[in-house]
C-alpha atoms as a PDB file:
ATOM      1  CA  UNK A   1      26.646 -24.269  15.654  1.00  0.00           C
ATOM      2  CA  UNK A   2      25.094 -27.670  14.940  1.00  0.00           C
ATOM      3  CA  UNK A   3      22.224 -26.927  17.307  1.00  0.00           C
ATOM      4  CA  UNK A   4      21.574 -23.600  15.574  1.00  0.00           C
ATOM      5  CA  UNK A   5      21.725 -25.296  12.183  1.00  0.00           C
ATOM      6  CA  UNK A   6      19.272 -27.979  13.301  1.00  0.00           C
ATOM      7  CA  UNK A   7      16.901 -25.353  14.677  1.00  0.00           C
ATOM      8  CA  UNK A   8      16.991 -23.419  11.426  1.00  0.00           C
ATOM      9  CA  UNK A   9      16.283 -26.596   9.497  1.00  0.00           C
ATOM     10  CA  UNK A  10      13.174 -27.150  11.624  1.00  0.00           C
ATOM     11  CA  UNK A  11      12.045 -23.548  11.109  1.00  0.00           C
ATOM     12  CA  UNK A  12      12.588 -23.853   7.373  1.00  0.00           C
ATOM     13  CA  UNK A  13      10.488 -27.024   7.183  1.00  0.00           C
ATOM     14  CA  UNK A  14       7.686 -25.405   9.209  1.00  0.00           C
ATOM     15  CA  UNK A  15       7.673 -22.317   7.023  1.00  0.00           C
ATOM     16  CA  UNK A  16       7.658 -24.468   3.889  1.00  0.00           C
ATOM     17  CA  UNK A  17       4.664 -26.444   5.177  1.00  0.00           C
ATOM     18  CA  UNK A  18       2.788 -23.233   5.979  1.00  0.00           C
ATOM     19  CA  UNK A  19       3.751 -21.907   2.584  1.00  0.00           C
ATOM     20  CA  UNK A  20       2.394 -24.985   0.794  1.00  0.00           C
ATOM     21  CA  UNK A  21      -0.826 -24.903   2.783  1.00  0.00           C
ATOM     22  CA  UNK A  22      -1.634 -21.458   1.416  1.00  0.00           C
ATOM     23  CA  UNK A  23      -1.889 -22.632  -2.220  1.00  0.00           C
ATOM     24  CA  UNK A  24      -0.978 -20.653  -5.372  1.00  0.00           C
ATOM     25  CA  UNK A  25      -0.967 -16.890  -5.154  1.00  0.00           C
ATOM     26  CA  UNK A  26      -0.175 -15.643  -8.647  1.00  0.00           C
ATOM     27  CA  UNK A  27       2.392 -13.281 -10.136  1.00  0.00           C
ATOM     28  CA  UNK A  28       2.727 -11.001  -7.134  1.00  0.00           C
ATOM     29  CA  UNK A  29       3.854 -13.942  -4.999  1.00  0.00           C
ATOM     30  CA  UNK A  30       6.445 -14.924  -7.602  1.00  0.00           C
ATOM     31  CA  UNK A  31       7.895 -11.419  -7.524  1.00  0.00           C
ATOM     32  CA  UNK A  32       9.082 -11.955  -3.957  1.00  0.00           C
ATOM     33  CA  UNK A  33      11.139 -14.965  -4.996  1.00  0.00           C
ATOM     34  CA  UNK A  34      12.552 -13.071  -7.967  1.00  0.00           C
ATOM     35  CA  UNK A  35      13.815 -10.314  -5.687  1.00  0.00           C
ATOM     36  CA  UNK A  36      15.057 -12.377  -2.753  1.00  0.00           C
ATOM     37  CA  UNK A  37      16.406 -15.340  -4.737  1.00  0.00           C
ATOM     38  CA  UNK A  38      19.449 -13.544  -6.203  1.00  0.00           C
ATOM     39  CA  UNK A  39      20.290 -12.192  -2.753  1.00  0.00           C
ATOM     40  CA  UNK A  40      20.165 -15.735  -1.419  1.00  0.00           C
ATOM     41  CA  UNK A  41      22.714 -16.919  -3.954  1.00  0.00           C
ATOM     42  CA  UNK A  42      24.939 -13.843  -3.730  1.00  0.00           C
ATOM     43  CA  UNK A  43      25.162 -13.871   0.064  1.00  0.00           C
ATOM     44  CA  UNK A  44      26.077 -17.548   0.408  1.00  0.00           C
ATOM     45  CA  UNK A  45      29.771 -17.970   1.257  1.00  0.00           C
ATOM     46  CA  UNK A  46      31.859 -19.935  -1.225  1.00  0.00           C
ATOM     47  CA  UNK A  47      34.637 -20.937   1.145  1.00  0.00           C
ATOM     48  CA  UNK A  48      35.295 -21.499   4.827  1.00  0.00           C
ATOM     49  CA  UNK A  49      33.305 -23.840   7.085  1.00  0.00           C
ATOM     50  CA  UNK A  50      30.531 -25.530   5.021  1.00  0.00           C
ATOM     51  CA  UNK A  51      28.268 -25.301   8.063  1.00  0.00           C
ATOM     52  CA  UNK A  52      28.519 -21.483   7.956  1.00  0.00           C
ATOM     53  CA  UNK A  53      27.530 -21.497   4.301  1.00  0.00           C
ATOM     54  CA  UNK A  54      24.538 -23.743   5.042  1.00  0.00           C
ATOM     55  CA  UNK A  55      23.492 -21.577   7.984  1.00  0.00           C
ATOM     56  CA  UNK A  56      23.573 -18.453   5.818  1.00  0.00           C
ATOM     57  CA  UNK A  57      21.606 -20.200   3.075  1.00  0.00           C
ATOM     58  CA  UNK A  58      18.936 -21.326   5.535  1.00  0.00           C
ATOM     59  CA  UNK A  59      18.609 -17.877   7.088  1.00  0.00           C
ATOM     60  CA  UNK A  60      18.100 -16.296   3.697  1.00  0.00           C
ATOM     61  CA  UNK A  61      15.671 -19.029   2.649  1.00  0.00           C
ATOM     62  CA  UNK A  62      13.551 -18.354   5.742  1.00  0.00           C
ATOM     63  CA  UNK A  63      13.555 -14.621   4.901  1.00  0.00           C
ATOM     64  CA  UNK A  64      12.541 -15.440   1.322  1.00  0.00           C
ATOM     65  CA  UNK A  65       9.637 -17.620   2.465  1.00  0.00           C
ATOM     66  CA  UNK A  66       8.464 -14.983   4.943  1.00  0.00           C
ATOM     67  CA  UNK A  67       8.448 -12.416   2.135  1.00  0.00           C
ATOM     68  CA  UNK A  68       6.410 -14.757  -0.074  1.00  0.00           C
ATOM     69  CA  UNK A  69       3.922 -15.447   2.702  1.00  0.00           C
ATOM     70  CA  UNK A  70       3.507 -11.723   3.418  1.00  0.00           C
ATOM     71  CA  UNK A  71       2.948 -11.027  -0.288  1.00  0.00           C
ATOM     72  CA  UNK A  72       0.371 -13.824  -0.482  1.00  0.00           C
ATOM     73  CA  UNK A  73      -1.561 -12.394   2.468  1.00  0.00           C
ATOM     74  CA  UNK A  74      -1.524  -8.877   1.009  1.00  0.00           C
ATOM     75  CA  UNK A  75      -2.636 -10.143  -2.397  1.00  0.00           C
ATOM     76  CA  UNK A  76      -5.544 -12.021  -0.823  1.00  0.00           C
ATOM     77  CA  UNK A  77      -6.741  -8.900   1.010  1.00  0.00           C
ATOM     78  CA  UNK A  78      -6.290  -6.831  -2.144  1.00  0.00           C
ATOM     79  CA  UNK A  79      -8.537  -9.262  -4.039  1.00  0.00           C
ATOM     80  CA  UNK A  80     -11.167  -8.950  -1.296  1.00  0.00           C
ATOM     81  CA  UNK A  81     -11.101  -5.140  -1.537  1.00  0.00           C
ATOM     82  CA  UNK A  82     -11.446  -5.265  -5.331  1.00  0.00           C
ATOM     83  CA  UNK A  83     -14.367  -7.716  -5.092  1.00  0.00           C
ATOM     84  CA  UNK A  84     -16.146  -5.579  -2.493  1.00  0.00           C
ATOM     85  CA  UNK A  85     -16.059  -2.531  -4.761  1.00  0.00           C
ATOM     86  CA  UNK A  86     -16.501  -4.465  -8.023  1.00  0.00           C
ATOM     87  CA  UNK A  87     -13.187  -3.268  -9.387  1.00  0.00           C
ATOM     88  CA  UNK A  88     -10.752  -4.797 -11.824  1.00  0.00           C
ATOM     89  CA  UNK A  89      -7.161  -4.345 -10.676  1.00  0.00           C
ATOM     90  CA  UNK A  90      -3.740  -5.237 -12.020  1.00  0.00           C
ATOM     91  CA  UNK A  91      -1.674  -6.615  -9.088  1.00  0.00           C
ATOM     92  CA  UNK A  92       1.826  -5.221  -8.714  1.00  0.00           C
ATOM     93  CA  UNK A  93       4.717  -4.773  -6.300  1.00  0.00           C
ATOM     94  CA  UNK A  94       6.812  -1.729  -5.507  1.00  0.00           C
ATOM     95  CA  UNK A  95      10.282  -2.106  -7.012  1.00  0.00           C
ATOM     96  CA  UNK A  96      11.708   1.372  -6.415  1.00  0.00           C
ATOM     97  CA  UNK A  97      11.168   4.434  -4.246  1.00  0.00           C
ATOM     98  CA  UNK A  98      11.459   7.793  -5.977  1.00  0.00           C
ATOM     99  CA  UNK A  99      10.944  11.397  -4.900  1.00  0.00           C
ATOM    100  CA  UNK A 100      10.811  12.249  -1.203  1.00  0.00           C
ATOM    101  CA  UNK A 101       9.870  15.267   0.873  1.00  0.00           C
ATOM    102  CA  UNK A 102       9.823  16.099   4.579  1.00  0.00           C
ATOM    103  CA  UNK A 103       6.999  13.583   5.101  1.00  0.00           C
ATOM    104  CA  UNK A 104       8.868  10.713   3.418  1.00  0.00           C
ATOM    105  CA  UNK A 105       8.425   8.988   0.074  1.00  0.00           C
ATOM    106  CA  UNK A 106       5.921  10.633  -2.266  1.00  0.00           C
ATOM    107  CA  UNK A 107       6.469   8.515  -5.369  1.00  0.00           C
ATOM    108  CA  UNK A 108       7.106   4.819  -5.996  1.00  0.00           C
ATOM    109  CA  UNK A 109       7.626   2.641  -9.077  1.00  0.00           C
ATOM    110  CA  UNK A 110       5.668  -0.567  -9.758  1.00  0.00           C
ATOM    111  CA  UNK A 111       6.645  -3.644 -11.768  1.00  0.00           C
ATOM    112  CA  UNK A 112       3.732  -3.339 -14.242  1.00  0.00           C
ATOM    113  CA  UNK A 113       3.186  -1.065 -17.229  1.00  0.00           C
ATOM    114  CA  UNK A 114       1.175  -0.370 -20.347  1.00  0.00           C
ATOM    115  CA  UNK A 115       1.652  -3.953 -21.529  1.00  0.00           C
ATOM    116  CA  UNK A 116      -0.406  -4.981 -18.471  1.00  0.00           C
ATOM    117  CA  UNK A 117      -3.249  -2.589 -19.271  1.00  0.00           C
ATOM    118  CA  UNK A 118      -2.145   0.208 -16.938  1.00  0.00           C
ATOM    119  CA  UNK A 119      -2.965   3.769 -17.976  1.00  0.00           C
ATOM    120  CA  UNK A 120      -2.084   7.186 -16.521  1.00  0.00           C
ATOM    121  CA  UNK A 121      -4.363   8.894 -14.003  1.00  0.00           C
ATOM    122  CA  UNK A 122      -5.741   5.698 -12.497  1.00  0.00           C
ATOM    123  CA  UNK A 123      -6.188   5.063  -8.782  1.00  0.00           C
ATOM    124  CA  UNK A 124      -3.865   2.670  -6.970  1.00  0.00           C
ATOM    125  CA  UNK A 125      -5.056   0.752  -3.923  1.00  0.00           C
ATOM    126  CA  UNK A 126      -3.362  -1.403  -1.322  1.00  0.00           C
ATOM    127  CA  UNK A 127      -4.927  -4.218   0.696  1.00  0.00           C
ATOM    128  CA  UNK A 128      -6.283  -1.684   3.217  1.00  0.00           C
ATOM    129  CA  UNK A 129      -7.267   1.279   1.074  1.00  0.00           C
ATOM    130  CA  UNK A 130      -6.282   4.045  -1.337  1.00  0.00           C
ATOM    131  CA  UNK A 131      -2.558   4.539  -1.935  1.00  0.00           C
ATOM    132  CA  UNK A 132      -2.346   7.126  -4.723  1.00  0.00           C
ATOM    133  CA  UNK A 133      -2.670   7.542  -8.463  1.00  0.00           C
ATOM    134  CA  UNK A 134      -0.680   6.705 -11.589  1.00  0.00           C
ATOM    135  CA  UNK A 135       1.298   9.661 -12.938  1.00  0.00           C
ATOM    136  CA  UNK A 136       3.546   7.999 -15.553  1.00  0.00           C
ATOM    137  CA  UNK A 137       3.515   4.705 -17.445  1.00  0.00           C
ATOM    138  CA  UNK A 138       6.111   2.941 -19.575  1.00  0.00           C
ATOM    139  CA  UNK A 139       5.857  -0.474 -21.178  1.00  0.00           C
ATOM    140  CA  UNK A 140       7.260  -2.230 -18.117  1.00  0.00           C
ATOM    141  CA  UNK A 141       6.911   0.129 -15.141  1.00  0.00           C
ATOM    142  CA  UNK A 142       4.488   2.585 -13.563  1.00  0.00           C
ATOM    143  CA  UNK A 143       5.168   5.639 -11.391  1.00  0.00           C
ATOM    144  CA  UNK A 144       2.652   6.300  -8.618  1.00  0.00           C
ATOM    145  CA  UNK A 145       2.212   9.527  -6.680  1.00  0.00           C
ATOM    146  CA  UNK A 146       1.264   8.680  -3.095  1.00  0.00           C
ATOM    147  CA  UNK A 147      -1.446  10.353  -1.052  1.00  0.00           C
ATOM    148  CA  UNK A 148      -0.088  13.402   0.737  1.00  0.00           C
ATOM    149  CA  UNK A 149       2.356  14.465  -1.972  1.00  0.00           C
ATOM    150  CA  UNK A 150       2.549  18.230  -2.423  1.00  0.00           C
ATOM    151  CA  UNK A 151      -0.297  19.502  -4.570  1.00  0.00           C
ATOM    152  CA  UNK A 152      -2.409  16.333  -4.368  1.00  0.00           C
ATOM    153  CA  UNK A 153      -6.067  16.867  -3.516  1.00  0.00           C
ATOM    154  CA  UNK A 154      -8.716  14.166  -3.267  1.00  0.00           C
ATOM    155  CA  UNK A 155     -12.448  14.735  -2.869  1.00  0.00           C
ATOM    156  CA  UNK A 156     -13.784  12.702   0.046  1.00  0.00           C
ATOM    157  CA  UNK A 157     -16.814  12.013   2.218  1.00  0.00           C
ATOM    158  CA  UNK A 158     -16.296  11.884   5.975  1.00  0.00           C
ATOM    159  CA  UNK A 159     -18.515   9.900   8.341  1.00  0.00           C
ATOM    160  CA  UNK A 160     -21.531   7.604   7.989  1.00  0.00           C
ATOM    161  CA  UNK A 161     -24.392   8.028   5.533  1.00  0.00           C
ATOM    162  CA  UNK A 162     -23.874  10.682   2.899  1.00  0.00           C
ATOM    163  CA  UNK A 163     -21.149  12.131   5.123  1.00  0.00           C
ATOM    164  CA  UNK A 164     -19.555  15.559   5.097  1.00  0.00           C
ATOM    165  CA  UNK A 165     -17.914  16.585   1.839  1.00  0.00           C
ATOM    166  CA  UNK A 166     -14.249  17.404   2.195  1.00  0.00           C
ATOM    167  CA  UNK A 167     -10.883  17.722   0.497  1.00  0.00           C
ATOM    168  CA  UNK A 168      -7.950  15.517   1.481  1.00  0.00           C
ATOM    169  CA  UNK A 169      -4.433  16.982   1.329  1.00  0.00           C
ATOM    170  CA  UNK A 170      -1.014  16.211   2.766  1.00  0.00           C
ATOM    171  CA  UNK A 171      -1.142  18.834   5.496  1.00  0.00           C
ATOM    172  CA  UNK A 172      -3.085  21.742   6.925  1.00  0.00           C
ATOM    173  CA  UNK A 173      -1.618  24.331   9.326  1.00  0.00           C
ATOM    174  CA  UNK A 174      -4.888  24.583  11.273  1.00  0.00           C
ATOM    175  CA  UNK A 175      -4.788  21.011  12.607  1.00  0.00           C
ATOM    176  CA  UNK A 176      -2.176  19.062  14.555  1.00  0.00           C
ATOM    177  CA  UNK A 177      -1.034  15.986  12.620  1.00  0.00           C
ATOM    178  CA  UNK A 178       0.883  12.962  13.823  1.00  0.00           C
ATOM    179  CA  UNK A 179       3.576  11.140  11.810  1.00  0.00           C
ATOM    180  CA  UNK A 180       2.197   9.841   8.527  1.00  0.00           C
ATOM    181  CA  UNK A 181      -1.173  11.544   8.957  1.00  0.00           C
ATOM    182  CA  UNK A 182      -2.980  13.512   6.243  1.00  0.00           C
ATOM    183  CA  UNK A 183      -5.455  16.385   6.559  1.00  0.00           C
ATOM    184  CA  UNK A 184      -9.076  16.834   5.509  1.00  0.00           C
ATOM    185  CA  UNK A 185     -10.863  20.161   5.169  1.00  0.00           C
ATOM    186  CA  UNK A 186     -14.659  20.114   5.133  1.00  0.00           C
ATOM    187  CA  UNK A 187     -16.234  22.084   2.275  1.00  0.00           C
ATOM    188  CA  UNK A 188     -19.723  22.116   3.776  1.00  0.00           C
ATOM    189  CA  UNK A 189     -21.171  22.513   7.245  1.00  0.00           C
ATOM    190  CA  UNK A 190     -21.158  19.373   9.324  1.00  0.00           C
ATOM    191  CA  UNK A 191     -19.450  17.743  12.266  1.00  0.00           C
ATOM    192  CA  UNK A 192     -16.194  15.857  11.879  1.00  0.00           C
ATOM    193  CA  UNK A 193     -15.515  13.420  14.720  1.00  0.00           C
ATOM    194  CA  UNK A 194     -12.569  11.214  15.706  1.00  0.00           C
ATOM    195  CA  UNK A 195     -13.237   7.732  14.377  1.00  0.00           C
ATOM    196  CA  UNK A 196     -15.115   8.938  11.287  1.00  0.00           C
ATOM    197  CA  UNK A 197     -14.199   6.895   8.213  1.00  0.00           C
ATOM    198  CA  UNK A 198     -12.964   8.832   5.172  1.00  0.00           C
ATOM    199  CA  UNK A 199     -13.865   7.511   1.701  1.00  0.00           C
ATOM    200  CA  UNK A 200     -13.361   8.839  -1.815  1.00  0.00           C
ATOM    201  CA  UNK A 201     -16.099  11.077  -3.174  1.00  0.00           C
ATOM    202  CA  UNK A 202     -15.509   9.794  -6.697  1.00  0.00           C
ATOM    203  CA  UNK A 203     -14.371  11.463  -9.908  1.00  0.00           C
ATOM    204  CA  UNK A 204     -16.146  11.894 -13.245  1.00  0.00           C
ATOM    205  CA  UNK A 205     -16.335   8.442 -14.880  1.00  0.00           C
ATOM    206  CA  UNK A 206     -14.416   7.103 -11.880  1.00  0.00           C
ATOM    207  CA  UNK A 207     -11.093   8.492 -13.115  1.00  0.00           C
ATOM    208  CA  UNK A 208      -8.849   8.716 -11.256  1.00  0.00           C
ATOM    209  CA  UNK A 209     -10.852   7.835  -8.144  1.00  0.00           C
ATOM    210  CA  UNK A 210     -13.925   5.591  -8.042  1.00  0.00           C
ATOM    211  CA  UNK A 211     -16.405   6.517  -5.302  1.00  0.00           C
ATOM    212  CA  UNK A 212     -16.382   4.828  -1.922  1.00  0.00           C
ATOM    213  CA  UNK A 213     -12.774   3.651  -1.693  1.00  0.00           C
ATOM    214  CA  UNK A 214     -11.548   3.549   1.932  1.00  0.00           C
ATOM    215  CA  UNK A 215      -8.946   6.213   2.637  1.00  0.00           C
ATOM    216  CA  UNK A 216      -8.504   6.526   6.396  1.00  0.00           C
ATOM    217  CA  UNK A 217      -9.909   7.506   9.764  1.00  0.00           C
ATOM    218  CA  UNK A 218     -10.211  10.875  11.493  1.00  0.00           C
ATOM    219  CA  UNK A 219      -7.922  11.065  14.534  1.00  0.00           C
ATOM    220  CA  UNK A 220      -8.001  14.729  15.613  1.00  0.00           C
ATOM    221  CA  UNK A 221     -10.415  17.570  14.869  1.00  0.00           C
ATOM    222  CA  UNK A 222      -9.128  21.149  15.020  1.00  0.00           C
ATOM    223  CA  UNK A 223     -10.765  23.328  17.671  1.00  0.00           C
ATOM    224  CA  UNK A 224     -11.711  26.484  15.785  1.00  0.00           C
ATOM    225  CA  UNK A 225     -14.724  28.199  17.390  1.00  0.00           C
ATOM    226  CA  UNK A 226     -16.716  30.387  15.031  1.00  0.00           C
ATOM    227  CA  UNK A 227     -15.748  28.597  11.813  1.00  0.00           C
ATOM    228  CA  UNK A 228     -18.544  27.123   9.739  1.00  0.00           C
ATOM    229  CA  UNK A 229     -16.391  24.255   8.483  1.00  0.00           C
ATOM    230  CA  UNK A 230     -13.824  22.069  10.206  1.00  0.00           C
ATOM    231  CA  UNK A 231     -10.435  20.542   9.515  1.00  0.00           C
ATOM    232  CA  UNK A 232      -9.137  17.260  10.870  1.00  0.00           C
ATOM    233  CA  UNK A 233      -6.147  14.934  10.832  1.00  0.00           C
ATOM    234  CA  UNK A 234      -6.593  11.594   9.058  1.00  0.00           C
ATOM    235  CA  UNK A 235      -4.632   8.388   9.577  1.00  0.00           C
ATOM    236  CA  UNK A 236      -4.518   6.528   6.216  1.00  0.00           C
ATOM    237  CA  UNK A 237      -5.629   2.904   6.257  1.00  0.00           C
ATOM    238  CA  UNK A 238      -2.716   2.100   3.924  1.00  0.00           C
ATOM    239  CA  UNK A 239       0.744   2.383   5.455  1.00  0.00           C
ATOM    240  CA  UNK A 240       2.197   4.795   2.898  1.00  0.00           C
ATOM    241  CA  UNK A 241       5.696   4.446   4.356  1.00  0.00           C
ATOM    242  CA  UNK A 242       5.770   0.699   3.634  1.00  0.00           C
ATOM    243  CA  UNK A 243       3.818   0.247   0.407  1.00  0.00           C
ATOM    244  CA  UNK A 244       4.477  -3.181  -1.103  1.00  0.00           C
ATOM    245  CA  UNK A 245       1.684  -5.130  -2.828  1.00  0.00           C
ATOM    246  CA  UNK A 246      -0.820  -2.895  -4.623  1.00  0.00           C
ATOM    247  CA  UNK A 247      -3.395  -2.975  -7.378  1.00  0.00           C
ATOM    248  CA  UNK A 248      -3.850  -0.496 -10.227  1.00  0.00           C
ATOM    249  CA  UNK A 249      -7.538   0.009 -10.991  1.00  0.00           C
ATOM    250  CA  UNK A 250      -8.296  -0.495 -14.690  1.00  0.00           C
ATOM    251  CA  UNK A 251     -12.056   0.151 -14.752  1.00  0.00           C
ATOM    252  CA  UNK A 252     -14.464   2.690 -13.269  1.00  0.00           C
ATOM    253  CA  UNK A 253     -16.010   0.438 -10.614  1.00  0.00           C
ATOM    254  CA  UNK A 254     -19.528   1.048  -9.381  1.00  0.00           C
END
């Protein structure tokens, strides 16, 4: 037990040093501590061997620091995405998972609201790309409908240059989709190829979707001889099953 305790102490110190080396990371980073901290206190034993209580405390502290470090990394990449597309975003974290369907979660709740400048029908991005759009806002929270939810359709461009115009949906019976994949249907003639990058076409005034946001990558193209347009499966850049740190876009971008 003492050896395990000593090892955990070393791990904790190393994680703390790595944590300090990363510098300040803002409100999203603090949210991790706010969530994990109460668990740390609640799970610590109040009686029995003091070494067991210390071991539990150290394990939970390591988990808390790992959560903070992960949030810091995601926030940094989110900032880079916003800078690249000249967007203003309100950083947030997912605090609840709402409606689900056969594909998994289709709605999540964020820890920001109208008091933070969030408005309905705005795009939400993660560190790697588009996540969904705002469908409801209260003073303190925001509900987001994720890509792939029933009835959601997003105009996109597929491939390099001007690309092929298409419509992104949750599924299409004409193409084989893997777990977590979406579907794109071309609305003009043109070749869709595996590896093609899918980006948002853009909405009027950039609401809800500014143009050029990364969405995903084509994985499989349906073989349908004789059809003028094609359909394909798309793997989202954002892991929609594990959405955590996100940003709500509050301007129109470029």
